[in-house]
Amino acid sequence: MSVRLDRLANQLDWNLLRTFMVIVQERSITGASQRLNVTQPSVSAALRRLEERLGHRLIERGSGQGFAITRAGEAVYREAVEIYGGVLRLNDLAAHAEKAITGNLVLHRSNHLDTGFLNTLLSDFRRRYPGVTYAIRSSPCFEVNQALLQRVSSIGFCTRVEPSPRLQQKALEPLEFGFYCGPNCSLFGIDRPDAEALARTDIVGFEEDHIAGALSAVTVYRVRNGIGDQMVAATTGIVDLLNIIRHGDAVGAVPIPLARDYGSDLWQIPLEEAAPCVDVYAVIDADRHLTPAESAFLEHLVDNGIVAQPSRRSEV
């Protein structure tokens, strides 16, 4: 921090910012003086001192067009509002610090993801904060993003992030998908399936399993390797897909770590090309006002390297 900025931080009077905030809200010196119960000259003097401290004109004077705030004034006003809100929350924050953290976390994940890595994290978090409960909701990637933008969810895990200045993402370890079949499939137990047999088999998958979908890497891999004649079933849930593969005669792509949990019920079809990988992201709303439970969980994820500490996007 420069000497000038350090001096500004140490010497700037909060009352100057508060007076300026009221001036903007009342859109006049007169209205601000009445609301603050001080004289108009006192308000004008406070505005002048703030402008001198910052080195920028915040309000245009004598324009003949009434009240006019400059671009610098707009930026300072937004920061003043944030500071004022923080001051108001100090008492609540102190009170919360004296209480056990409680509340409910809502986590959204793409319905085709294996989020087994969350199991240990959630168990550790619950041991530390037994008063916090959580809900995990599975949905397509688009709905995961919408849940965050609508502030229904605390954090999301998905394979595709919709462009938005509010959403911050962190890439996690990519998820490998393998092609599997069950005992009723003619390819079950075959070490070297021929190209014709692969091409004739039926395919089951997720609704997002298409060229332009969130699982495009899997779709492109399947087409490139000539796997499957037609898609005979599409699901929205990973458990439904696994059950269809286990008890049916079709082939489907599922996350390799999850498929291993099913042991001999599933056969991974041997293919020469390396398994396709799907990018996975942890996503948060950088502008969301977090509850104590959400703040604690976010800190827990940061400590474990799952997400980076979010920074609020600039509004200037």
C-alpha atoms as a PDB file:
ATOM      1  CA  MET A   1       0.000   0.000   0.000  1.00  0.00           C
ATOM      2  CA  SER A   2       1.409   3.452  -0.934  1.00  0.00           C
ATOM      3  CA  VAL A   3       2.141   6.101   1.697  1.00  0.00           C
ATOM      4  CA  ARG A   4      -0.694   8.246   0.341  1.00  0.00           C
ATOM      5  CA  LEU A   5      -3.255   5.441   0.472  1.00  0.00           C
ATOM      6  CA  ASP A   6      -2.083   4.379   3.915  1.00  0.00           C
ATOM      7  CA  ARG A   7      -2.509   7.945   5.189  1.00  0.00           C
ATOM      8  CA  LEU A   8      -5.966   8.122   3.598  1.00  0.00           C
ATOM      9  CA  ALA A   9      -7.063   4.877   5.281  1.00  0.00           C
ATOM     10  CA  ASN A  10      -5.834   6.085   8.687  1.00  0.00           C
ATOM     11  CA  GLN A  11      -7.131   9.638   8.520  1.00  0.00           C
ATOM     12  CA  LEU A  12     -10.370   9.509   6.555  1.00  0.00           C
ATOM     13  CA  ASP A  13     -13.318  10.356   8.802  1.00  0.00           C
ATOM     14  CA  TRP A  14     -16.209   7.898   8.430  1.00  0.00           C
ATOM     15  CA  ASN A  15     -18.665  10.746   9.087  1.00  0.00           C
ATOM     16  CA  LEU A  16     -17.572  12.371   5.811  1.00  0.00           C
ATOM     17  CA  LEU A  17     -18.542   9.223   3.896  1.00  0.00           C
ATOM     18  CA  ARG A  18     -21.812   8.928   5.805  1.00  0.00           C
ATOM     19  CA  THR A  19     -22.682  12.569   5.062  1.00  0.00           C
ATOM     20  CA  PHE A  20     -21.894  12.074   1.367  1.00  0.00           C
ATOM     21  CA  MET A  21     -24.036   8.915   1.278  1.00  0.00           C
ATOM     22  CA  VAL A  22     -27.009  10.844   2.702  1.00  0.00           C
ATOM     23  CA  ILE A  23     -26.454  13.712   0.238  1.00  0.00           C
ATOM     24  CA  VAL A  24     -26.744  11.266  -2.654  1.00  0.00           C
ATOM     25  CA  GLN A  25     -29.779   9.537  -1.169  1.00  0.00           C
ATOM     26  CA  GLU A  26     -31.577  12.839  -0.516  1.00  0.00           C
ATOM     27  CA  ARG A  27     -30.272  14.325  -3.780  1.00  0.00           C
ATOM     28  CA  SER A  28     -29.650  17.675  -2.141  1.00  0.00           C
ATOM     29  CA  ILE A  29     -27.571  19.438   0.492  1.00  0.00           C
ATOM     30  CA  THR A  30     -30.756  20.762   2.079  1.00  0.00           C
ATOM     31  CA  GLY A  31     -32.370  17.343   2.365  1.00  0.00           C
ATOM     32  CA  ALA A  32     -29.193  15.871   3.822  1.00  0.00           C
ATOM     33  CA  SER A  33     -28.931  18.609   6.448  1.00  0.00           C
ATOM     34  CA  GLN A  34     -32.527  18.011   7.523  1.00  0.00           C
ATOM     35  CA  ARG A  35     -32.054  14.239   7.736  1.00  0.00           C
ATOM     36  CA  LEU A  36     -28.774  14.554   9.652  1.00  0.00           C
ATOM     37  CA  ASN A  37     -30.129  17.412  11.790  1.00  0.00           C
ATOM     38  CA  VAL A  38     -27.147  19.664  11.065  1.00  0.00           C
ATOM     39  CA  THR A  39     -26.784  22.964   9.219  1.00  0.00           C
ATOM     40  CA  GLN A  40     -26.432  23.228   5.461  1.00  0.00           C
ATOM     41  CA  PRO A  41     -22.963  24.845   5.756  1.00  0.00           C
ATOM     42  CA  SER A  42     -21.821  21.855   7.837  1.00  0.00           C
ATOM     43  CA  VAL A  43     -22.975  19.420   5.129  1.00  0.00           C
ATOM     44  CA  SER A  44     -21.329  21.482   2.385  1.00  0.00           C
ATOM     45  CA  ALA A  45     -18.101  21.641   4.371  1.00  0.00           C
ATOM     46  CA  ALA A  46     -18.116  17.861   4.912  1.00  0.00           C
ATOM     47  CA  LEU A  47     -18.590  17.275   1.167  1.00  0.00           C
ATOM     48  CA  ARG A  48     -15.751  19.670   0.368  1.00  0.00           C
ATOM     49  CA  ARG A  49     -13.384  17.991   2.850  1.00  0.00           C
ATOM     50  CA  LEU A  50     -14.184  14.539   1.426  1.00  0.00           C
ATOM     51  CA  GLU A  51     -13.463  15.720  -2.123  1.00  0.00           C
ATOM     52  CA  GLU A  52     -10.173  17.233  -0.946  1.00  0.00           C
ATOM     53  CA  ARG A  53      -9.185  13.994   0.798  1.00  0.00           C
ATOM     54  CA  LEU A  54      -9.974  11.876  -2.265  1.00  0.00           C
ATOM     55  CA  GLY A  55      -8.731  14.362  -4.849  1.00  0.00           C
ATOM     56  CA  HIS A  56     -11.880  14.067  -6.986  1.00  0.00           C
ATOM     57  CA  ARG A  57     -15.028  16.097  -7.485  1.00  0.00           C
ATOM     58  CA  LEU A  58     -18.012  14.017  -6.378  1.00  0.00           C
ATOM     59  CA  ILE A  59     -20.928  16.401  -6.983  1.00  0.00           C
ATOM     60  CA  GLU A  60     -21.250  18.870  -9.870  1.00  0.00           C
ATOM     61  CA  ARG A  61     -22.114  22.351  -8.620  1.00  0.00           C
ATOM     62  CA  GLY A  62     -23.651  25.287 -10.433  1.00  0.00           C
ATOM     63  CA  SER A  63     -24.545  23.315 -13.549  1.00  0.00           C
ATOM     64  CA  GLY A  64     -28.066  24.723 -13.600  1.00  0.00           C
ATOM     65  CA  GLN A  65     -29.367  21.163 -14.064  1.00  0.00           C
ATOM     66  CA  GLY A  66     -30.082  20.433 -10.432  1.00  0.00           C
ATOM     67  CA  PHE A  67     -28.361  17.631  -8.537  1.00  0.00           C
ATOM     68  CA  ALA A  68     -25.663  15.795 -10.526  1.00  0.00           C
ATOM     69  CA  ILE A  69     -23.275  13.134  -9.192  1.00  0.00           C
ATOM     70  CA  THR A  70     -20.019  12.496 -11.047  1.00  0.00           C
ATOM     71  CA  ARG A  71     -18.739   9.060 -12.095  1.00  0.00           C
ATOM     72  CA  ALA A  72     -16.232   9.222  -9.248  1.00  0.00           C
ATOM     73  CA  GLY A  73     -19.088  10.119  -6.919  1.00  0.00           C
ATOM     74  CA  GLU A  74     -21.093   7.098  -8.058  1.00  0.00           C
ATOM     75  CA  ALA A  75     -18.153   4.793  -7.326  1.00  0.00           C
ATOM     76  CA  VAL A  76     -17.550   6.350  -3.888  1.00  0.00           C
ATOM     77  CA  TYR A  77     -21.261   6.157  -3.059  1.00  0.00           C
ATOM     78  CA  ARG A  78     -21.396   2.411  -3.773  1.00  0.00           C
ATOM     79  CA  GLU A  79     -18.381   1.813  -1.552  1.00  0.00           C
ATOM     80  CA  ALA A  80     -19.879   3.995   1.188  1.00  0.00           C
ATOM     81  CA  VAL A  81     -23.068   1.936   1.136  1.00  0.00           C
ATOM     82  CA  GLU A  82     -21.030  -1.283   1.466  1.00  0.00           C
ATOM     83  CA  ILE A  83     -19.069   0.172   4.386  1.00  0.00           C
ATOM     84  CA  TYR A  84     -22.251   1.400   6.066  1.00  0.00           C
ATOM     85  CA  GLY A  85     -23.809  -2.056   5.712  1.00  0.00           C
ATOM     86  CA  GLY A  86     -20.708  -3.606   7.242  1.00  0.00           C
ATOM     87  CA  VAL A  87     -20.862  -1.215  10.191  1.00  0.00           C
ATOM     88  CA  LEU A  88     -24.506  -2.107  10.775  1.00  0.00           C
ATOM     89  CA  ARG A  89     -23.649  -5.823  10.718  1.00  0.00           C
ATOM     90  CA  LEU A  90     -20.900  -5.528  13.317  1.00  0.00           C
ATOM     91  CA  ASN A  91     -23.293  -6.041  16.190  1.00  0.00           C
ATOM     92  CA  ASP A  92     -24.924  -9.051  14.505  1.00  0.00           C
ATOM     93  CA  LEU A  93     -21.527 -10.560  13.687  1.00  0.00           C
ATOM     94  CA  ALA A  94     -20.419 -10.187  17.283  1.00  0.00           C
ATOM     95  CA  ALA A  95     -23.640 -11.825  18.460  1.00  0.00           C
ATOM     96  CA  HIS A  96     -23.241 -14.713  15.995  1.00  0.00           C
ATOM     97  CA  ALA A  97     -19.681 -15.266  17.163  1.00  0.00           C
ATOM     98  CA  GLU A  98     -21.028 -16.017  20.616  1.00  0.00           C
ATOM     99  CA  LYS A  99     -23.496 -18.601  19.306  1.00  0.00           C
ATOM    100  CA  ALA A 100     -23.089 -22.025  17.755  1.00  0.00           C
ATOM    101  CA  ILE A 101     -23.366 -21.898  13.954  1.00  0.00           C
ATOM    102  CA  THR A 102     -26.622 -23.372  12.683  1.00  0.00           C
ATOM    103  CA  GLY A 103     -28.522 -23.319   9.413  1.00  0.00           C
ATOM    104  CA  ASN A 104     -29.061 -25.288   6.242  1.00  0.00           C
ATOM    105  CA  LEU A 105     -26.752 -25.607   3.236  1.00  0.00           C
ATOM    106  CA  VAL A 106     -28.156 -26.269  -0.224  1.00  0.00           C
ATOM    107  CA  LEU A 107     -25.668 -27.835  -2.630  1.00  0.00           C
ATOM    108  CA  HIS A 108     -26.515 -28.344  -6.295  1.00  0.00           C
ATOM    109  CA  ARG A 109     -24.633 -30.793  -8.496  1.00  0.00           C
ATOM    110  CA  SER A 110     -24.946 -31.938 -12.082  1.00  0.00           C
ATOM    111  CA  ASN A 111     -26.922 -35.167 -12.124  1.00  0.00           C
ATOM    112  CA  HIS A 112     -24.261 -36.983 -14.161  1.00  0.00           C
ATOM    113  CA  LEU A 113     -21.412 -36.243 -11.752  1.00  0.00           C
ATOM    114  CA  ASP A 114     -19.807 -38.476  -9.195  1.00  0.00           C
ATOM    115  CA  THR A 115     -19.282 -36.170  -6.197  1.00  0.00           C
ATOM    116  CA  GLY A 116     -17.834 -38.799  -3.906  1.00  0.00           C
ATOM    117  CA  PHE A 117     -15.091 -36.352  -2.921  1.00  0.00           C
ATOM    118  CA  LEU A 118     -17.743 -34.421  -0.989  1.00  0.00           C
ATOM    119  CA  ASN A 119     -18.498 -37.294   1.383  1.00  0.00           C
ATOM    120  CA  THR A 120     -15.430 -36.873   3.598  1.00  0.00           C
ATOM    121  CA  LEU A 121     -15.636 -33.080   3.418  1.00  0.00           C
ATOM    122  CA  LEU A 122     -19.261 -33.060   4.566  1.00  0.00           C
ATOM    123  CA  SER A 123     -18.564 -35.554   7.341  1.00  0.00           C
ATOM    124  CA  ASP A 124     -15.678 -33.443   8.646  1.00  0.00           C
ATOM    125  CA  PHE A 125     -17.776 -30.299   8.426  1.00  0.00           C
ATOM    126  CA  ARG A 126     -20.683 -31.864  10.305  1.00  0.00           C
ATOM    127  CA  ARG A 127     -18.386 -32.998  13.110  1.00  0.00           C
ATOM    128  CA  ARG A 128     -17.168 -29.434  13.463  1.00  0.00           C
ATOM    129  CA  TYR A 129     -20.596 -27.799  13.094  1.00  0.00           C
ATOM    130  CA  PRO A 130     -23.218 -30.327  14.273  1.00  0.00           C
ATOM    131  CA  GLY A 131     -25.936 -27.675  14.186  1.00  0.00           C
ATOM    132  CA  VAL A 132     -25.707 -27.311  10.392  1.00  0.00           C
ATOM    133  CA  THR A 133     -27.820 -29.454   8.077  1.00  0.00           C
ATOM    134  CA  TYR A 134     -27.517 -29.737   4.303  1.00  0.00           C
ATOM    135  CA  ALA A 135     -29.432 -30.737   1.212  1.00  0.00           C
ATOM    136  CA  ILE A 136     -27.851 -32.041  -2.005  1.00  0.00           C
ATOM    137  CA  ARG A 137     -29.897 -31.539  -5.157  1.00  0.00           C
ATOM    138  CA  SER A 138     -29.125 -33.115  -8.524  1.00  0.00           C
ATOM    139  CA  SER A 139     -30.162 -31.440 -11.769  1.00  0.00           C
ATOM    140  CA  PRO A 140     -28.861 -30.667 -15.276  1.00  0.00           C
ATOM    141  CA  CYS A 141     -25.932 -28.250 -15.535  1.00  0.00           C
ATOM    142  CA  PHE A 142     -28.120 -25.377 -16.689  1.00  0.00           C
ATOM    143  CA  GLU A 143     -30.332 -25.711 -13.624  1.00  0.00           C
ATOM    144  CA  VAL A 144     -27.285 -25.819 -11.334  1.00  0.00           C
ATOM    145  CA  ASN A 145     -26.212 -22.461 -12.737  1.00  0.00           C
ATOM    146  CA  GLN A 146     -29.730 -21.053 -12.453  1.00  0.00           C
ATOM    147  CA  ALA A 147     -29.989 -22.154  -8.824  1.00  0.00           C
ATOM    148  CA  LEU A 148     -26.857 -20.148  -8.055  1.00  0.00           C
ATOM    149  CA  LEU A 149     -27.990 -17.085 -10.004  1.00  0.00           C
ATOM    150  CA  GLN A 150     -31.372 -17.194  -8.250  1.00  0.00           C
ATOM    151  CA  ARG A 151     -29.544 -17.585  -4.926  1.00  0.00           C
ATOM    152  CA  VAL A 152     -31.332 -20.819  -4.132  1.00  0.00           C
ATOM    153  CA  SER A 153     -28.057 -22.699  -3.734  1.00  0.00           C
ATOM    154  CA  SER A 154     -24.950 -22.066  -1.642  1.00  0.00           C
ATOM    155  CA  ILE A 155     -22.511 -23.721  -4.043  1.00  0.00           C
ATOM    156  CA  GLY A 156     -22.695 -25.778  -7.219  1.00  0.00           C
ATOM    157  CA  PHE A 157     -20.672 -28.540  -8.854  1.00  0.00           C
ATOM    158  CA  CYS A 158     -21.120 -28.963 -12.597  1.00  0.00           C
ATOM    159  CA  THR A 159     -19.388 -29.640 -15.905  1.00  0.00           C
ATOM    160  CA  ARG A 160     -20.482 -26.480 -17.690  1.00  0.00           C
ATOM    161  CA  VAL A 161     -20.676 -22.958 -16.271  1.00  0.00           C
ATOM    162  CA  GLU A 162     -23.056 -20.456 -17.852  1.00  0.00           C
ATOM    163  CA  PRO A 163     -21.308 -17.104 -18.556  1.00  0.00           C
ATOM    164  CA  SER A 164     -22.145 -14.590 -15.826  1.00  0.00           C
ATOM    165  CA  PRO A 165     -20.070 -11.900 -14.076  1.00  0.00           C
ATOM    166  CA  ARG A 166     -21.559 -13.075 -10.769  1.00  0.00           C
ATOM    167  CA  LEU A 167     -20.401 -16.682 -10.964  1.00  0.00           C
ATOM    168  CA  GLN A 168     -16.849 -17.618 -10.014  1.00  0.00           C
ATOM    169  CA  GLN A 169     -15.593 -21.066 -10.926  1.00  0.00           C
ATOM    170  CA  LYS A 170     -12.668 -23.254  -9.996  1.00  0.00           C
ATOM    171  CA  ALA A 171     -11.653 -26.247 -12.058  1.00  0.00           C
ATOM    172  CA  LEU A 172     -11.514 -29.471 -10.052  1.00  0.00           C
ATOM    173  CA  GLU A 173      -9.940 -32.777 -11.073  1.00  0.00           C
ATOM    174  CA  PRO A 174     -11.470 -33.906 -14.405  1.00  0.00           C
ATOM    175  CA  LEU A 175     -13.785 -36.909 -14.204  1.00  0.00           C
ATOM    176  CA  GLU A 176     -13.000 -40.000 -16.276  1.00  0.00           C
ATOM    177  CA  PHE A 177     -15.897 -41.800 -17.946  1.00  0.00           C
ATOM    178  CA  GLY A 178     -15.827 -45.435 -19.028  1.00  0.00           C
ATOM    179  CA  PHE A 179     -18.256 -47.422 -21.190  1.00  0.00           C
ATOM    180  CA  TYR A 180     -19.936 -50.234 -19.259  1.00  0.00           C
ATOM    181  CA  CYS A 181     -22.453 -53.012 -19.742  1.00  0.00           C
ATOM    182  CA  GLY A 182     -24.219 -55.506 -17.513  1.00  0.00           C
ATOM    183  CA  PRO A 183     -24.370 -59.338 -17.511  1.00  0.00           C
ATOM    184  CA  ASN A 184     -27.279 -59.384 -19.996  1.00  0.00           C
ATOM    185  CA  CYS A 185     -25.269 -57.612 -22.692  1.00  0.00           C
ATOM    186  CA  SER A 186     -23.467 -59.652 -25.375  1.00  0.00           C
ATOM    187  CA  LEU A 187     -20.304 -57.602 -24.765  1.00  0.00           C
ATOM    188  CA  PHE A 188     -20.107 -58.535 -21.075  1.00  0.00           C
ATOM    189  CA  GLY A 189     -16.758 -60.206 -20.285  1.00  0.00           C
ATOM    190  CA  ILE A 190     -15.385 -59.748 -23.826  1.00  0.00           C
ATOM    191  CA  ASP A 191     -11.755 -58.619 -23.735  1.00  0.00           C
ATOM    192  CA  ARG A 192     -11.510 -57.697 -27.406  1.00  0.00           C
ATOM    193  CA  PRO A 193     -14.924 -56.651 -28.763  1.00  0.00           C
ATOM    194  CA  ASP A 194     -14.909 -56.325 -32.554  1.00  0.00           C
ATOM    195  CA  ALA A 195     -15.943 -53.112 -34.278  1.00  0.00           C
ATOM    196  CA  GLU A 196     -19.192 -54.571 -35.662  1.00  0.00           C
ATOM    197  CA  ALA A 197     -20.338 -55.722 -32.220  1.00  0.00           C
ATOM    198  CA  LEU A 198     -19.629 -52.292 -30.770  1.00  0.00           C
ATOM    199  CA  ALA A 199     -21.481 -50.587 -33.597  1.00  0.00           C
ATOM    200  CA  ARG A 200     -24.573 -52.813 -33.219  1.00  0.00           C
ATOM    201  CA  THR A 201     -25.036 -52.338 -29.486  1.00  0.00           C
ATOM    202  CA  ASP A 202     -27.734 -50.086 -28.089  1.00  0.00           C
ATOM    203  CA  ILE A 203     -26.732 -47.038 -26.047  1.00  0.00           C
ATOM    204  CA  VAL A 204     -28.227 -45.568 -22.874  1.00  0.00           C
ATOM    205  CA  GLY A 205     -27.118 -42.231 -21.469  1.00  0.00           C
ATOM    206  CA  PHE A 206     -27.974 -38.897 -19.924  1.00  0.00           C
ATOM    207  CA  GLU A 207     -30.185 -36.262 -21.470  1.00  0.00           C
ATOM    208  CA  GLU A 208     -27.118 -34.010 -21.709  1.00  0.00           C
ATOM    209  CA  ASP A 209     -25.201 -36.679 -23.636  1.00  0.00           C
ATOM    210  CA  HIS A 210     -25.095 -35.042 -27.066  1.00  0.00           C
ATOM    211  CA  ILE A 211     -22.606 -33.084 -29.177  1.00  0.00           C
ATOM    212  CA  ALA A 212     -23.619 -29.658 -27.808  1.00  0.00           C
ATOM    213  CA  GLY A 213     -24.363 -30.867 -24.286  1.00  0.00           C
ATOM    214  CA  ALA A 214     -22.471 -30.782 -21.020  1.00  0.00           C
ATOM    215  CA  LEU A 215     -21.117 -34.292 -21.783  1.00  0.00           C
ATOM    216  CA  SER A 216     -19.948 -33.482 -25.308  1.00  0.00           C
ATOM    217  CA  ALA A 217     -16.523 -35.010 -24.610  1.00  0.00           C
ATOM    218  CA  VAL A 218     -18.191 -38.373 -23.944  1.00  0.00           C
ATOM    219  CA  THR A 219     -20.444 -38.056 -26.994  1.00  0.00           C
ATOM    220  CA  VAL A 220     -17.547 -37.200 -29.330  1.00  0.00           C
ATOM    221  CA  TYR A 221     -15.530 -40.119 -27.941  1.00  0.00           C
ATOM    222  CA  ARG A 222     -18.426 -42.533 -28.511  1.00  0.00           C
ATOM    223  CA  VAL A 223     -18.940 -41.385 -32.102  1.00  0.00           C
ATOM    224  CA  ARG A 224     -15.217 -41.429 -32.878  1.00  0.00           C
ATOM    225  CA  ASN A 225     -14.870 -44.994 -31.617  1.00  0.00           C
ATOM    226  CA  GLY A 226     -18.006 -46.225 -33.379  1.00  0.00           C
ATOM    227  CA  ILE A 227     -19.826 -47.280 -30.204  1.00  0.00           C
ATOM    228  CA  GLY A 228     -23.556 -47.808 -30.451  1.00  0.00           C
ATOM    229  CA  ASP A 229     -26.265 -47.985 -33.065  1.00  0.00           C
ATOM    230  CA  GLN A 230     -28.883 -45.806 -31.364  1.00  0.00           C
ATOM    231  CA  MET A 231     -29.728 -44.205 -28.039  1.00  0.00           C
ATOM    232  CA  VAL A 232     -32.588 -46.254 -26.622  1.00  0.00           C
ATOM    233  CA  ALA A 233     -32.940 -44.556 -23.224  1.00  0.00           C
ATOM    234  CA  ALA A 234     -31.953 -41.227 -21.661  1.00  0.00           C
ATOM    235  CA  THR A 235     -32.055 -40.498 -17.936  1.00  0.00           C
ATOM    236  CA  THR A 236     -31.661 -37.452 -15.736  1.00  0.00           C
ATOM    237  CA  GLY A 237     -30.140 -39.348 -12.810  1.00  0.00           C
ATOM    238  CA  ILE A 238     -26.933 -41.325 -12.489  1.00  0.00           C
ATOM    239  CA  VAL A 239     -28.516 -44.032 -10.309  1.00  0.00           C
ATOM    240  CA  ASP A 240     -31.236 -44.681 -12.906  1.00  0.00           C
ATOM    241  CA  LEU A 241     -28.601 -44.982 -15.617  1.00  0.00           C
ATOM    242  CA  LEU A 242     -26.540 -47.454 -13.605  1.00  0.00           C
ATOM    243  CA  ASN A 243     -29.594 -49.622 -12.950  1.00  0.00           C
ATOM    244  CA  ILE A 244     -30.526 -49.661 -16.639  1.00  0.00           C
ATOM    245  CA  ILE A 245     -26.994 -50.749 -17.557  1.00  0.00           C
ATOM    246  CA  ARG A 246     -26.799 -53.414 -14.838  1.00  0.00           C
ATOM    247  CA  HIS A 247     -30.141 -55.043 -15.664  1.00  0.00           C
ATOM    248  CA  GLY A 248     -30.416 -54.357 -19.394  1.00  0.00           C
ATOM    249  CA  ASP A 249     -28.493 -55.241 -22.529  1.00  0.00           C
ATOM    250  CA  ALA A 250     -27.268 -51.774 -23.560  1.00  0.00           C
ATOM    251  CA  VAL A 251     -23.988 -49.911 -23.071  1.00  0.00           C
ATOM    252  CA  GLY A 252     -23.632 -46.614 -21.216  1.00  0.00           C
ATOM    253  CA  ALA A 253     -20.907 -44.191 -20.101  1.00  0.00           C
ATOM    254  CA  VAL A 254     -20.615 -43.522 -16.370  1.00  0.00           C
ATOM    255  CA  PRO A 255     -17.865 -42.072 -14.131  1.00  0.00           C
ATOM    256  CA  ILE A 256     -15.179 -44.714 -13.574  1.00  0.00           C
ATOM    257  CA  PRO A 257     -14.777 -44.130  -9.790  1.00  0.00           C
ATOM    258  CA  LEU A 258     -18.498 -44.667  -9.263  1.00  0.00           C
ATOM    259  CA  ALA A 259     -18.691 -47.736 -11.520  1.00  0.00           C
ATOM    260  CA  ARG A 260     -15.995 -49.437  -9.464  1.00  0.00           C
ATOM    261  CA  ASP A 261     -18.369 -49.460  -6.487  1.00  0.00           C
ATOM    262  CA  TYR A 262     -20.619 -51.889  -8.388  1.00  0.00           C
ATOM    263  CA  GLY A 263     -17.918 -54.524  -8.767  1.00  0.00           C
ATOM    264  CA  SER A 264     -18.778 -57.527 -10.913  1.00  0.00           C
ATOM    265  CA  ASP A 265     -22.234 -56.154 -11.825  1.00  0.00           C
ATOM    266  CA  LEU A 266     -20.596 -53.921 -14.425  1.00  0.00           C
ATOM    267  CA  TRP A 267     -18.078 -54.718 -17.152  1.00  0.00           C
ATOM    268  CA  GLN A 268     -15.900 -51.919 -18.501  1.00  0.00           C
ATOM    269  CA  ILE A 269     -15.592 -52.422 -22.231  1.00  0.00           C
ATOM    270  CA  PRO A 270     -11.875 -52.438 -23.159  1.00  0.00           C
ATOM    271  CA  LEU A 271     -11.075 -49.704 -25.687  1.00  0.00           C
ATOM    272  CA  GLU A 272      -7.697 -48.730 -27.127  1.00  0.00           C
ATOM    273  CA  GLU A 273      -8.183 -44.987 -26.802  1.00  0.00           C
ATOM    274  CA  ALA A 274      -7.777 -43.428 -23.337  1.00  0.00           C
ATOM    275  CA  ALA A 275     -11.033 -42.836 -21.475  1.00  0.00           C
ATOM    276  CA  PRO A 276     -12.748 -39.490 -22.113  1.00  0.00           C
ATOM    277  CA  CYS A 277     -12.445 -36.851 -19.384  1.00  0.00           C
ATOM    278  CA  VAL A 278     -15.092 -34.317 -18.472  1.00  0.00           C
ATOM    279  CA  ASP A 279     -14.152 -31.004 -16.853  1.00  0.00           C
ATOM    280  CA  VAL A 280     -15.651 -30.422 -13.409  1.00  0.00           C
ATOM    281  CA  TYR A 281     -16.081 -27.050 -11.700  1.00  0.00           C
ATOM    282  CA  ALA A 282     -16.996 -25.773  -8.285  1.00  0.00           C
ATOM    283  CA  VAL A 283     -19.105 -22.649  -8.757  1.00  0.00           C
ATOM    284  CA  ILE A 284     -20.175 -19.939  -6.325  1.00  0.00           C
ATOM    285  CA  ASP A 285     -22.026 -16.636  -6.547  1.00  0.00           C
ATOM    286  CA  ALA A 286     -19.390 -14.015  -5.699  1.00  0.00           C
ATOM    287  CA  ASP A 287     -22.023 -11.406  -4.795  1.00  0.00           C
ATOM    288  CA  ARG A 288     -24.126 -13.601  -2.535  1.00  0.00           C
ATOM    289  CA  HIS A 289     -24.535 -12.440   1.073  1.00  0.00           C
ATOM    290  CA  LEU A 290     -23.642 -15.634   2.901  1.00  0.00           C
ATOM    291  CA  THR A 291     -25.309 -16.932   6.029  1.00  0.00           C
ATOM    292  CA  PRO A 292     -23.011 -17.956   8.918  1.00  0.00           C
ATOM    293  CA  ALA A 293     -23.422 -21.624   7.914  1.00  0.00           C
ATOM    294  CA  GLU A 294     -22.577 -20.883   4.274  1.00  0.00           C
ATOM    295  CA  SER A 295     -19.558 -18.792   5.278  1.00  0.00           C
ATOM    296  CA  ALA A 296     -18.268 -21.612   7.487  1.00  0.00           C
ATOM    297  CA  PHE A 297     -18.740 -24.202   4.720  1.00  0.00           C
ATOM    298  CA  LEU A 298     -17.054 -21.977   2.139  1.00  0.00           C
ATOM    299  CA  GLU A 299     -14.113 -21.524   4.491  1.00  0.00           C
ATOM    300  CA  HIS A 300     -14.022 -25.319   4.934  1.00  0.00           C
ATOM    301  CA  LEU A 301     -13.843 -25.807   1.138  1.00  0.00           C
ATOM    302  CA  VAL A 302     -11.129 -23.148   0.830  1.00  0.00           C
ATOM    303  CA  ASP A 303      -9.067 -24.816   3.568  1.00  0.00           C
ATOM    304  CA  ASN A 304      -9.326 -28.132   1.710  1.00  0.00           C
ATOM    305  CA  GLY A 305      -8.366 -26.615  -1.645  1.00  0.00           C
ATOM    306  CA  ILE A 306     -11.741 -27.269  -3.287  1.00  0.00           C
ATOM    307  CA  VAL A 307     -12.451 -23.617  -4.090  1.00  0.00           C
ATOM    308  CA  ALA A 308     -10.540 -20.344  -3.911  1.00  0.00           C
ATOM    309  CA  GLN A 309     -11.651 -17.571  -1.605  1.00  0.00           C
ATOM    310  CA  PRO A 310     -14.130 -15.576  -3.727  1.00  0.00           C
ATOM    311  CA  SER A 311     -13.617 -11.870  -4.324  1.00  0.00           C
ATOM    312  CA  ARG A 312     -16.555  -9.613  -4.985  1.00  0.00           C
ATOM    313  CA  ARG A 313     -16.692  -8.407  -8.562  1.00  0.00           C
ATOM    314  CA  SER A 314     -15.946  -4.733  -9.047  1.00  0.00           C
ATOM    315  CA  GLU A 315     -18.942  -2.518  -9.608  1.00  0.00           C
ATOM    316  CA  VAL A 316     -16.871   0.471 -10.634  1.00  0.00           C
END
